[in-house]
Every structure is written in C-alpha cells, then in structure tokens.
PDB file of N, CA and C in Angstrom:
ATOM      1  N   MET A   1     123.050  71.735 120.807  1.00  0.00           N
ATOM      2  CA  MET A   1     123.455  72.583 119.873  1.00  0.00           C
ATOM      3  C   MET A   1     124.948  72.715 119.892  1.00  0.00           C
ATOM      4  N   PRO A   2     125.548  72.514 118.674  1.00  0.00           N
ATOM      5  CA  PRO A   2     127.027  72.506 118.668  1.00  0.00           C
ATOM      6  C   PRO A   2     127.659  73.865 118.852  1.00  0.00           C
ATOM      7  N   THR A   3     128.791  73.918 119.581  1.00  0.00           N
ATOM      8  CA  THR A   3     129.456  75.132 119.791  1.00  0.00           C
ATOM      9  C   THR A   3     130.490  75.391 118.843  1.00  0.00           C
ATOM     10  N   ASP A   4     131.116  74.354 118.200  1.00  0.00           N
ATOM     11  CA  ASP A   4     132.142  74.460 117.205  1.00  0.00           C
ATOM     12  C   ASP A   4     131.527  74.603 115.797  1.00  0.00           C
ATOM     13  N   ARG A   5     132.066  75.573 115.082  1.00  0.00           N
ATOM     14  CA  ARG A   5     131.705  75.854 113.711  1.00  0.00           C
ATOM     15  C   ARG A   5     132.783  75.423 112.744  1.00  0.00           C
ATOM     16  N   ASP A   6     132.351  74.745 111.685  1.00  0.00           N
ATOM     17  CA  ASP A   6     133.279  74.264 110.651  1.00  0.00           C
ATOM     18  C   ASP A   6     133.539  75.409 109.646  1.00  0.00           C
ATOM     19  N   GLU A   7     134.623  75.365 109.023  1.00  0.00           N
ATOM     20  CA  GLU A   7     134.943  76.409 108.025  1.00  0.00           C
ATOM     21  C   GLU A   7     134.130  76.060 106.841  1.00  0.00           C
ATOM     22  N   ILE A   8     133.700  77.122 106.100  1.00  0.00           N
ATOM     23  CA  ILE A   8     133.001  76.893 104.836  1.00  0.00           C
ATOM     24  C   ILE A   8     133.955  76.349 103.792  1.00  0.00           C
ATOM     25  N   PRO A   9     133.554  75.113 103.185  1.00  0.00           N
ATOM     26  CA  PRO A   9     134.514  74.507 102.241  1.00  0.00           C
ATOM     27  C   PRO A   9     134.821  75.455 101.158  1.00  0.00           C
ATOM     28  N   PRO A  10     136.099  75.419 100.719  1.00  0.00           N
ATOM     29  CA  PRO A  10     136.508  76.313  99.655  1.00  0.00           C
ATOM     30  C   PRO A  10     135.631  76.030  98.372  1.00  0.00           C
ATOM     31  N   GLY A  11     135.379  77.169  97.697  1.00  0.00           N
ATOM     32  CA  GLY A  11     134.548  77.017  96.580  1.00  0.00           C
ATOM     33  C   GLY A  11     133.020  77.026  96.636  1.00  0.00           C
ATOM     34  N   THR A  12     132.633  77.053  97.925  1.00  0.00           N
ATOM     35  CA  THR A  12     131.096  76.952  98.140  1.00  0.00           C
ATOM     36  C   THR A  12     130.459  78.194  98.589  1.00  0.00           C
ATOM     37  N   LEU A  13     131.108  79.218  98.769  1.00  0.00           N
ATOM     38  CA  LEU A  13     130.588  80.458  99.333  1.00  0.00           C
ATOM     39  C   LEU A  13     129.669  81.045  98.393  1.00  0.00           C
ATOM     40  N   TYR A  14     129.987  81.192  97.050  1.00  0.00           N
ATOM     41  CA  TYR A  14     129.058  81.677  96.012  1.00  0.00           C
ATOM     42  C   TYR A  14     127.801  80.817  96.080  1.00  0.00           C
ATOM     43  N   LEU A  15     127.909  79.441  96.116  1.00  0.00           N
ATOM     44  CA  LEU A  15     126.801  78.578  96.151  1.00  0.00           C
ATOM     45  C   LEU A  15     125.809  78.934  97.267  1.00  0.00           C
ATOM     46  N   LEU A  16     126.420  79.035  98.503  1.00  0.00           N
ATOM     47  CA  LEU A  16     125.654  79.353  99.667  1.00  0.00           C
ATOM     48  C   LEU A  16     124.886  80.755  99.613  1.00  0.00           C
ATOM     49  N   ILE A  17     125.516  81.694  99.057  1.00  0.00           N
ATOM     50  CA  ILE A  17     124.942  83.016  98.940  1.00  0.00           C
ATOM     51  C   ILE A  17     123.828  82.970  97.914  1.00  0.00           C
ATOM     52  N   LEU A  18     124.135  82.483  96.709  1.00  0.00           N
ATOM     53  CA  LEU A  18     123.197  82.369  95.612  1.00  0.00           C
ATOM     54  C   LEU A  18     121.893  81.616  96.080  1.00  0.00           C
ATOM     55  N   LYS A  19     122.081  80.499  96.723  1.00  0.00           N
ATOM     56  CA  LYS A  19     121.016  79.648  97.064  1.00  0.00           C
ATOM     57  C   LYS A  19     120.177  80.388  98.214  1.00  0.00           C
ATOM     58  N   THR A  20     120.787  81.066  99.054  1.00  0.00           N
ATOM     59  CA  THR A  20     120.171  81.890 100.188  1.00  0.00           C
ATOM     60  C   THR A  20     119.225  83.014  99.487  1.00  0.00           C
ATOM     61  N   LEU A  21     119.820  83.677  98.521  1.00  0.00           N
ATOM     62  CA  LEU A  21     119.021  84.740  97.848  1.00  0.00           C
ATOM     63  C   LEU A  21     117.904  84.083  96.952  1.00  0.00           C
ATOM     64  N   ALA A  22     118.152  82.995  96.332  1.00  0.00           N
ATOM     65  CA  ALA A  22     117.088  82.263  95.562  1.00  0.00           C
ATOM     66  C   ALA A  22     115.910  81.929  96.454  1.00  0.00           C
ATOM     67  N   ARG A  23     116.212  81.394  97.695  1.00  0.00           N
ATOM     68  CA  ARG A  23     115.194  80.909  98.615  1.00  0.00           C
ATOM     69  C   ARG A  23     114.503  82.161  99.327  1.00  0.00           C
ATOM     70  N   ASN A  24     115.211  83.128  99.634  1.00  0.00           N
ATOM     71  CA  ASN A  24     114.632  84.195 100.552  1.00  0.00           C
ATOM     72  C   ASN A  24     114.339  85.481  99.797  1.00  0.00           C
ATOM     73  N   GLY A  25     114.802  85.672  98.548  1.00  0.00           N
ATOM     74  CA  GLY A  25     114.628  87.025  97.899  1.00  0.00           C
ATOM     75  C   GLY A  25     115.630  88.039  98.342  1.00  0.00           C
ATOM     76  N   GLU A  26     115.226  89.266  98.380  1.00  0.00           N
ATOM     77  CA  GLU A  26     116.241  90.390  98.681  1.00  0.00           C
ATOM     78  C   GLU A  26     116.559  90.368 100.076  1.00  0.00           C
ATOM     79  N   LEU A  27     117.833  90.392 100.401  1.00  0.00           N
ATOM     80  CA  LEU A  27     118.372  90.411 101.778  1.00  0.00           C
ATOM     81  C   LEU A  27     119.524  91.308 101.830  1.00  0.00           C
ATOM     82  N   HIS A  28     119.832  91.882 102.989  1.00  0.00           N
ATOM     83  CA  HIS A  28     121.066  92.609 103.319  1.00  0.00           C
ATOM     84  C   HIS A  28     122.158  91.572 103.844  1.00  0.00           C
ATOM     85  N   GLY A  29     123.338  92.055 103.823  1.00  0.00           N
ATOM     86  CA  GLY A  29     124.462  91.210 104.157  1.00  0.00           C
ATOM     87  C   GLY A  29     124.229  90.353 105.416  1.00  0.00           C
ATOM     88  N   PHE A  30     123.886  91.036 106.576  1.00  0.00           N
ATOM     89  CA  PHE A  30     123.687  90.387 107.838  1.00  0.00           C
ATOM     90  C   PHE A  30     122.663  89.381 107.774  1.00  0.00           C
ATOM     91  N   GLU A  31     121.578  89.610 107.029  1.00  0.00           N
ATOM     92  CA  GLU A  31     120.516  88.583 106.754  1.00  0.00           C
ATOM     93  C   GLU A  31     121.007  87.391 105.995  1.00  0.00           C
ATOM     94  N   ILE A  32     121.825  87.634 105.011  1.00  0.00           N
ATOM     95  CA  ILE A  32     122.354  86.479 104.248  1.00  0.00           C
ATOM     96  C   ILE A  32     123.249  85.571 105.170  1.00  0.00           C
ATOM     97  N   ALA A  33     124.125  86.253 106.019  1.00  0.00           N
ATOM     98  CA  ALA A  33     125.028  85.471 106.901  1.00  0.00           C
ATOM     99  C   ALA A  33     124.148  84.751 107.951  1.00  0.00           C
ATOM    100  N   ASN A  34     123.140  85.433 108.457  1.00  0.00           N
ATOM    101  CA  ASN A  34     122.319  84.842 109.441  1.00  0.00           C
ATOM    102  C   ASN A  34     121.495  83.670 108.901  1.00  0.00           C
ATOM    103  N   SER A  35     120.984  83.810 107.718  1.00  0.00           N
ATOM    104  CA  SER A  35     120.295  82.765 107.096  1.00  0.00           C
ATOM    105  C   SER A  35     121.098  81.476 106.876  1.00  0.00           C
ATOM    106  N   ILE A  36     122.301  81.603 106.363  1.00  0.00           N
ATOM    107  CA  ILE A  36     123.167  80.519 106.249  1.00  0.00           C
ATOM    108  C   ILE A  36     123.464  79.829 107.539  1.00  0.00           C
ATOM    109  N   GLN A  37     123.788  80.694 108.516  1.00  0.00           N
ATOM    110  CA  GLN A  37     124.033  80.059 109.887  1.00  0.00           C
ATOM    111  C   GLN A  37     122.894  79.310 110.394  1.00  0.00           C
ATOM    112  N   GLN A  38     121.654  79.936 110.264  1.00  0.00           N
ATOM    113  CA  GLN A  38     120.394  79.201 110.812  1.00  0.00           C
ATOM    114  C   GLN A  38     120.048  77.983 110.019  1.00  0.00           C
ATOM    115  N   THR A  39     120.212  78.012 108.716  1.00  0.00           N
ATOM    116  CA  THR A  39     119.878  76.895 107.825  1.00  0.00           C
ATOM    117  C   THR A  39     120.821  75.786 108.120  1.00  0.00           C
ATOM    118  N   THR A  40     122.155  76.060 108.447  1.00  0.00           N
ATOM    119  CA  THR A  40     123.081  74.961 108.609  1.00  0.00           C
ATOM    120  C   THR A  40     123.066  74.620 110.151  1.00  0.00           C
ATOM    121  N   GLU A  41     122.126  75.044 110.881  1.00  0.00           N
ATOM    122  CA  GLU A  41     121.976  74.780 112.330  1.00  0.00           C
ATOM    123  C   GLU A  41     123.335  75.091 113.011  1.00  0.00           C
ATOM    124  N   ASP A  42     123.848  76.320 112.748  1.00  0.00           N
ATOM    125  CA  ASP A  42     125.060  76.873 113.382  1.00  0.00           C
ATOM    126  C   ASP A  42     126.390  76.147 113.058  1.00  0.00           C
ATOM    127  N   VAL A  43     126.351  75.238 112.084  1.00  0.00           N
ATOM    128  CA  VAL A  43     127.601  74.566 111.649  1.00  0.00           C
ATOM    129  C   VAL A  43     128.484  75.526 110.869  1.00  0.00           C
ATOM    130  N   LEU A  44     127.860  76.365 109.914  1.00  0.00           N
ATOM    131  CA  LEU A  44     128.589  77.198 109.196  1.00  0.00           C
ATOM    132  C   LEU A  44     128.284  78.664 109.498  1.00  0.00           C
ATOM    133  N   GLN A  45     129.345  79.495 109.588  1.00  0.00           N
ATOM    134  CA  GLN A  45     129.231  80.868 109.780  1.00  0.00           C
ATOM    135  C   GLN A  45     129.997  81.633 108.745  1.00  0.00           C
ATOM    136  N   VAL A  46     129.381  82.609 108.098  1.00  0.00           N
ATOM    137  CA  VAL A  46     130.008  83.410 107.045  1.00  0.00           C
ATOM    138  C   VAL A  46     130.467  84.685 107.800  1.00  0.00           C
ATOM    139  N   GLU A  47     131.812  84.917 107.694  1.00  0.00           N
ATOM    140  CA  GLU A  47     132.375  86.058 108.334  1.00  0.00           C
ATOM    141  C   GLU A  47     132.226  87.245 107.406  1.00  0.00           C
ATOM    142  N   GLU A  48     132.170  88.513 108.017  1.00  0.00           N
ATOM    143  CA  GLU A  48     132.049  89.714 107.233  1.00  0.00           C
ATOM    144  C   GLU A  48     133.205  89.806 106.180  1.00  0.00           C
ATOM    145  N   GLY A  49     134.437  89.443 106.666  1.00  0.00           N
ATOM    146  CA  GLY A  49     135.562  89.541 105.734  1.00  0.00           C
ATOM    147  C   GLY A  49     135.553  88.627 104.598  1.00  0.00           C
ATOM    148  N   SER A  50     134.708  87.589 104.618  1.00  0.00           N
ATOM    149  CA  SER A  50     134.480  86.788 103.376  1.00  0.00           C
ATOM    150  C   SER A  50     133.207  87.189 102.637  1.00  0.00           C
ATOM    151  N   LEU A  51     132.229  87.473 103.393  1.00  0.00           N
ATOM    152  CA  LEU A  51     130.950  87.749 102.774  1.00  0.00           C
ATOM    153  C   LEU A  51     130.910  88.981 101.871  1.00  0.00           C
ATOM    154  N   TYR A  52     131.377  90.148 102.393  1.00  0.00           N
ATOM    155  CA  TYR A  52     131.220  91.378 101.588  1.00  0.00           C
ATOM    156  C   TYR A  52     132.077  91.357 100.373  1.00  0.00           C
ATOM    157  N   PRO A  53     133.436  90.893 100.427  1.00  0.00           N
ATOM    158  CA  PRO A  53     134.095  90.819  99.225  1.00  0.00           C
ATOM    159  C   PRO A  53     133.473  89.866  98.160  1.00  0.00           C
ATOM    160  N   ALA A  54     132.924  88.782  98.594  1.00  0.00           N
ATOM    161  CA  ALA A  54     132.188  87.843  97.709  1.00  0.00           C
ATOM    162  C   ALA A  54     130.982  88.421  97.092  1.00  0.00           C
ATOM    163  N   LEU A  55     130.248  89.264  97.873  1.00  0.00           N
ATOM    164  CA  LEU A  55     129.109  89.943  97.245  1.00  0.00           C
ATOM    165  C   LEU A  55     129.520  90.966  96.282  1.00  0.00           C
ATOM    166  N   GLN A  56     130.632  91.702  96.501  1.00  0.00           N
ATOM    167  CA  GLN A  56     131.205  92.629  95.594  1.00  0.00           C
ATOM    168  C   GLN A  56     131.570  91.975  94.253  1.00  0.00           C
ATOM    169  N   ARG A  57     132.303  90.904  94.302  1.00  0.00           N
ATOM    170  CA  ARG A  57     132.603  90.181  93.195  1.00  0.00           C
ATOM    171  C   ARG A  57     131.402  89.692  92.307  1.00  0.00           C
ATOM    172  N   MET A  58     130.327  89.276  93.123  1.00  0.00           N
ATOM    173  CA  MET A  58     129.052  88.774  92.502  1.00  0.00           C
ATOM    174  C   MET A  58     128.434  89.948  91.837  1.00  0.00           C
ATOM    175  N   LEU A  59     128.495  91.060  92.355  1.00  0.00           N
ATOM    176  CA  LEU A  59     127.952  92.347  91.648  1.00  0.00           C
ATOM    177  C   LEU A  59     128.623  92.568  90.383  1.00  0.00           C
ATOM    178  N   ILE A  60     129.900  92.506  90.411  1.00  0.00           N
ATOM    179  CA  ILE A  60     130.737  92.668  89.222  1.00  0.00           C
ATOM    180  C   ILE A  60     130.423  91.672  88.148  1.00  0.00           C
ATOM    181  N   LYS A  61     130.236  90.445  88.538  1.00  0.00           N
ATOM    182  CA  LYS A  61     129.922  89.332  87.621  1.00  0.00           C
ATOM    183  C   LYS A  61     128.455  89.450  87.064  1.00  0.00           C
ATOM    184  N   GLY A  62     127.578  90.253  87.709  1.00  0.00           N
ATOM    185  CA  GLY A  62     126.191  90.453  87.332  1.00  0.00           C
ATOM    186  C   GLY A  62     125.323  89.341  87.819  1.00  0.00           C
ATOM    187  N   TRP A  63     125.823  88.657  88.961  1.00  0.00           N
ATOM    188  CA  TRP A  63     124.887  87.543  89.465  1.00  0.00           C
ATOM    189  C   TRP A  63     123.953  88.276  90.504  1.00  0.00           C
ATOM    190  N   VAL A  64     124.185  89.287  90.989  1.00  0.00           N
ATOM    191  CA  VAL A  64     123.289  90.008  91.997  1.00  0.00           C
ATOM    192  C   VAL A  64     123.227  91.500  91.650  1.00  0.00           C
ATOM    193  N   ILE A  65     122.187  92.130  92.055  1.00  0.00           N
ATOM    194  CA  ILE A  65     122.079  93.535  92.002  1.00  0.00           C
ATOM    195  C   ILE A  65     121.965  93.959  93.412  1.00  0.00           C
ATOM    196  N   ALA A  66     122.147  95.275  93.689  1.00  0.00           N
ATOM    197  CA  ALA A  66     122.077  95.782  95.065  1.00  0.00           C
ATOM    198  C   ALA A  66     121.479  97.202  94.968  1.00  0.00           C
ATOM    199  N   ARG A  67     120.789  97.511  96.153  1.00  0.00           N
ATOM    200  CA  ARG A  67     120.170  98.798  96.307  1.00  0.00           C
ATOM    201  C   ARG A  67     120.352  99.215  97.815  1.00  0.00           C
ATOM    202  N   TRP A  68     120.435 100.443  98.135  1.00  0.00           N
ATOM    203  CA  TRP A  68     120.554 100.854  99.419  1.00  0.00           C
ATOM    204  C   TRP A  68     119.150 101.043 100.079  1.00  0.00           C
ATOM    205  N   GLY A  69     119.013 100.531 101.298  1.00  0.00           N
ATOM    206  CA  GLY A  69     117.738 100.653 101.985  1.00  0.00           C
ATOM    207  C   GLY A  69     117.940 100.820 103.519  1.00  0.00           C
ATOM    208  N   THR A  70     116.833 100.703 104.219  1.00  0.00           N
ATOM    209  CA  THR A  70     116.918 100.832 105.671  1.00  0.00           C
ATOM    210  C   THR A  70     116.385  99.567 106.312  1.00  0.00           C
ATOM    211  N   THR A  71     117.110  99.037 107.347  1.00  0.00           N
ATOM    212  CA  THR A  71     116.691  97.840 107.993  1.00  0.00           C
ATOM    213  C   THR A  71     115.539  98.072 109.003  1.00  0.00           C
ATOM    214  N   ALA A  72     115.029  96.988 109.446  1.00  0.00           N
ATOM    215  CA  ALA A  72     113.957  97.126 110.524  1.00  0.00           C
ATOM    216  C   ALA A  72     114.491  97.954 111.686  1.00  0.00           C
ATOM    217  N   GLY A  73     115.774  97.828 111.947  1.00  0.00           N
ATOM    218  CA  GLY A  73     116.360  98.518 113.111  1.00  0.00           C
ATOM    219  C   GLY A  73     116.776  99.992 112.783  1.00  0.00           C
ATOM    220  N   ASN A  74     116.342 100.530 111.584  1.00  0.00           N
ATOM    221  CA  ASN A  74     116.565 101.771 111.115  1.00  0.00           C
ATOM    222  C   ASN A  74     118.010 102.077 110.733  1.00  0.00           C
ATOM    223  N   ARG A  75     118.738 101.056 110.248  1.00  0.00           N
ATOM    224  CA  ARG A  75     120.133 101.263 109.918  1.00  0.00           C
ATOM    225  C   ARG A  75     120.184 101.173 108.322  1.00  0.00           C
ATOM    226  N   ARG A  76     121.085 101.926 107.763  1.00  0.00           N
ATOM    227  CA  ARG A  76     121.275 101.848 106.313  1.00  0.00           C
ATOM    228  C   ARG A  76     121.999 100.640 105.991  1.00  0.00           C
ATOM    229  N   ALA A  77     121.571  99.949 104.900  1.00  0.00           N
ATOM    230  CA  ALA A  77     122.142  98.647 104.551  1.00  0.00           C
ATOM    231  C   ALA A  77     121.967  98.419 103.033  1.00  0.00           C
ATOM    232  N   ARG A  78     122.881  97.681 102.437  1.00  0.00           N
ATOM    233  CA  ARG A  78     122.776  97.312 101.055  1.00  0.00           C
ATOM    234  C   ARG A  78     122.039  96.047 100.959  1.00  0.00           C
ATOM    235  N   TYR A  79     120.971  96.032 100.137  1.00  0.00           N
ATOM    236  CA  TYR A  79     120.132  94.864  99.900  1.00  0.00           C
ATOM    237  C   TYR A  79     120.482  94.255  98.589  1.00  0.00           C
ATOM    238  N   TYR A  80     120.644  92.900  98.587  1.00  0.00           N
ATOM    239  CA  TYR A  80     121.101  92.127  97.390  1.00  0.00           C
ATOM    240  C   TYR A  80     120.024  91.210  96.967  1.00  0.00           C
ATOM    241  N   GLN A  81     119.904  91.201  95.564  1.00  0.00           N
ATOM    242  CA  GLN A  81     118.970  90.343  94.899  1.00  0.00           C
ATOM    243  C   GLN A  81     119.502  89.619  93.830  1.00  0.00           C
ATOM    244  N   LEU A  82     119.125  88.415  93.589  1.00  0.00           N
ATOM    245  CA  LEU A  82     119.508  87.583  92.523  1.00  0.00           C
ATOM    246  C   LEU A  82     119.127  88.048  91.146  1.00  0.00           C
ATOM    247  N   THR A  83     119.942  87.956  90.099  1.00  0.00           N
ATOM    248  CA  THR A  83     119.612  88.341  88.720  1.00  0.00           C
ATOM    249  C   THR A  83     119.326  87.037  88.019  1.00  0.00           C
ATOM    250  N   SER A  84     118.948  87.131  86.755  1.00  0.00           N
ATOM    251  CA  SER A  84     118.756  85.925  85.978  1.00  0.00           C
ATOM    252  C   SER A  84     120.106  85.278  85.708  1.00  0.00           C
ATOM    253  N   ALA A  85     121.122  86.131  85.550  1.00  0.00           N
ATOM    254  CA  ALA A  85     122.576  85.465  85.467  1.00  0.00           C
ATOM    255  C   ALA A  85     122.925  84.770  86.729  1.00  0.00           C
ATOM    256  N   GLY A  86     122.498  85.315  87.798  1.00  0.00           N
ATOM    257  CA  GLY A  86     122.760  84.623  89.163  1.00  0.00           C
ATOM    258  C   GLY A  86     122.025  83.239  89.292  1.00  0.00           C
ATOM    259  N   ARG A  87     120.832  83.259  88.715  1.00  0.00           N
ATOM    260  CA  ARG A  87     120.071  81.971  88.827  1.00  0.00           C
ATOM    261  C   ARG A  87     120.750  80.983  87.890  1.00  0.00           C
ATOM    262  N   LYS A  88     121.277  81.393  86.774  1.00  0.00           N
ATOM    263  CA  LYS A  88     121.967  80.476  85.920  1.00  0.00           C
ATOM    264  C   LYS A  88     123.245  79.935  86.529  1.00  0.00           C
ATOM    265  N   GLN A  89     123.987  80.870  87.230  1.00  0.00           N
ATOM    266  CA  GLN A  89     125.168  80.545  87.859  1.00  0.00           C
ATOM    267  C   GLN A  89     124.960  79.627  89.080  1.00  0.00           C
ATOM    268  N   LEU A  90     123.732  79.717  89.744  1.00  0.00           N
ATOM    269  CA  LEU A  90     123.385  78.916  90.931  1.00  0.00           C
ATOM    270  C   LEU A  90     123.331  77.459  90.339  1.00  0.00           C
ATOM    271  N   VAL A  91     122.775  77.189  89.204  1.00  0.00           N
ATOM    272  CA  VAL A  91     122.689  75.860  88.587  1.00  0.00           C
ATOM    273  C   VAL A  91     124.121  75.372  88.303  1.00  0.00           C
ATOM    274  N   VAL A  92     125.011  76.192  87.796  1.00  0.00           N
ATOM    275  CA  VAL A  92     126.428  75.833  87.587  1.00  0.00           C
ATOM    276  C   VAL A  92     127.048  75.386  88.892  1.00  0.00           C
ATOM    277  N   GLU A  93     126.939  76.246  89.957  1.00  0.00           N
ATOM    278  CA  GLU A  93     127.524  76.006  91.258  1.00  0.00           C
ATOM    279  C   GLU A  93     127.005  74.699  91.896  1.00  0.00           C
ATOM    280  N   ILE A  94     125.730  74.448  91.731  1.00  0.00           N
ATOM    281  CA  ILE A  94     125.162  73.228  92.309  1.00  0.00           C
ATOM    282  C   ILE A  94     125.701  71.966  91.566  1.00  0.00           C
ATOM    283  N   SER A  95     125.787  72.136  90.277  1.00  0.00           N
ATOM    284  CA  SER A  95     126.354  70.955  89.463  1.00  0.00           C
ATOM    285  C   SER A  95     127.796  70.694  89.835  1.00  0.00           C
ATOM    286  N   GLN A  96     128.664  71.696  89.991  1.00  0.00           N
ATOM    287  CA  GLN A  96     130.009  71.595  90.323  1.00  0.00           C
ATOM    288  C   GLN A  96     130.120  70.947  91.738  1.00  0.00           C
ATOM    289  N   PHE A  97     129.296  71.498  92.672  1.00  0.00           N
ATOM    290  CA  PHE A  97     129.281  70.918  94.042  1.00  0.00           C
ATOM    291  C   PHE A  97     128.944  69.450  94.061  1.00  0.00           C
ATOM    292  N   GLU A  98     127.894  69.076  93.363  1.00  0.00           N
ATOM    293  CA  GLU A  98     127.547  67.668  93.303  1.00  0.00           C
ATOM    294  C   GLU A  98     128.536  66.852  92.714  1.00  0.00           C
ATOM    295  N   ARG A  99     129.304  67.272  91.634  1.00  0.00           N
ATOM    296  CA  ARG A  99     130.285  66.472  91.057  1.00  0.00           C
ATOM    297  C   ARG A  99     131.398  66.265  92.030  1.00  0.00           C
ATOM    298  N   VAL A 100     131.771  67.277  92.773  1.00  0.00           N
ATOM    299  CA  VAL A 100     132.933  67.144  93.634  1.00  0.00           C
ATOM    300  C   VAL A 100     132.482  66.282  94.871  1.00  0.00           C
ATOM    301  N   MET A 101     131.315  66.399  95.337  1.00  0.00           N
ATOM    302  CA  MET A 101     130.791  65.636  96.525  1.00  0.00           C
ATOM    303  C   MET A 101     130.587  64.177  96.072  1.00  0.00           C
ATOM    304  N   GLY A 102     130.225  63.842  94.854  1.00  0.00           N
ATOM    305  CA  GLY A 102     130.238  62.534  94.270  1.00  0.00           C
ATOM    306  C   GLY A 102     131.625  61.941  94.326  1.00  0.00           C
ATOM    307  N   ALA A 103     132.612  62.660  93.871  1.00  0.00           N
ATOM    308  CA  ALA A 103     133.964  62.168  93.822  1.00  0.00           C
ATOM    309  C   ALA A 103     134.432  61.857  95.241  1.00  0.00           C
ATOM    310  N   ILE A 104     134.202  62.804  96.209  1.00  0.00           N
ATOM    311  CA  ILE A 104     134.656  62.605  97.578  1.00  0.00           C
ATOM    312  C   ILE A 104     133.911  61.335  98.144  1.00  0.00           C
ATOM    313  N   THR A 105     132.678  61.172  97.937  1.00  0.00           N
ATOM    314  CA  THR A 105     131.860  59.973  98.396  1.00  0.00           C
ATOM    315  C   THR A 105     132.531  58.725  97.806  1.00  0.00           C
ATOM    316  N   ARG A 106     132.945  58.728  96.553  1.00  0.00           N
ATOM    317  CA  ARG A 106     133.590  57.559  96.015  1.00  0.00           C
ATOM    318  C   ARG A 106     134.882  57.233  96.744  1.00  0.00           C
ATOM    319  N   VAL A 107     135.635  58.203  97.116  1.00  0.00           N
ATOM    320  CA  VAL A 107     136.793  57.992  97.799  1.00  0.00           C
ATOM    321  C   VAL A 107     136.570  57.456  99.265  1.00  0.00           C
ATOM    322  N   ILE A 108     135.613  57.978  99.914  1.00  0.00           N
ATOM    323  CA  ILE A 108     135.249  57.569 101.283  1.00  0.00           C
ATOM    324  C   ILE A 108     134.773  56.125 101.235  1.00  0.00           C
ATOM    325  N   GLU A 109     133.929  55.860 100.244  1.00  0.00           N
ATOM    326  CA  GLU A 109     133.322  54.414 100.200  1.00  0.00           C
ATOM    327  C   GLU A 109     134.344  53.414  99.724  1.00  0.00           C
ATOM    328  N   ALA A 110     135.399  53.885  99.099  1.00  0.00           N
ATOM    329  CA  ALA A 110     136.471  52.866  98.649  1.00  0.00           C
ATOM    330  C   ALA A 110     137.431  52.488  99.734  1.00  0.00           C
ATOM    331  N   THR A 111     137.426  53.280 100.914  1.00  0.00           N
ATOM    332  CA  THR A 111     138.308  52.963 101.910  1.00  0.00           C
ATOM    333  C   THR A 111     137.778  52.090 102.946  1.00  0.00           C
TER     334      THR A 111
END
C-alpha cells in the first residue's frame, strides 16, 4: 500500500466529486473524500480546504443540492446529491478530461 499521495491534477476535482456522487448517491463531505481516497487506492486524497469550497461552488452552479442530516455517528452533516445539471456537467468534465489525457498520451508516446 503506497504511503505517498499524489496531488489531485488541476481541473479534476469537480470530475472526481461529480463521479463519486453519480456512483454513490447522496453523501456528506467526509464520505465523498473517503470514497475518492478508497477508489484511487489511497493515491488521491481530497483535503477539506479544497473539498468544501468546491462543493460550495457546485451548489451555486446548481450541479448539486444539499440538505442537513445526521451521520451514523450522530453528527450533523451536510449531504450532497447530484442534480440533472450536475449529471450533464459530469459528461462535460469527462469529455474535457479525456481530451487532455489524449493530448498528454500523444506527447508521451512521441518521445
């Protein structure tokens, strides 16, 4: 199990959050961060200082909705859920990511 974590590539945080919510449904912030960490086998870790501002921007954009609830540990938490606009944005984010990765792959293969 790797002990070093890589930084989340710029421009991919929305993609990671949107995909996590699409796959898992309604989650609170810690669950989103934990799911990303587990899915990437501890390679990527989303810090609170990045996650919550991103979620707030996503609320403003209408990509997610939120409600207050109680966690299994009886703590108050904000639960986030993908909207139809968020599902559309996920398609855009995946397309942009694939385009960029294709360009990077071409550069790597050309050397």
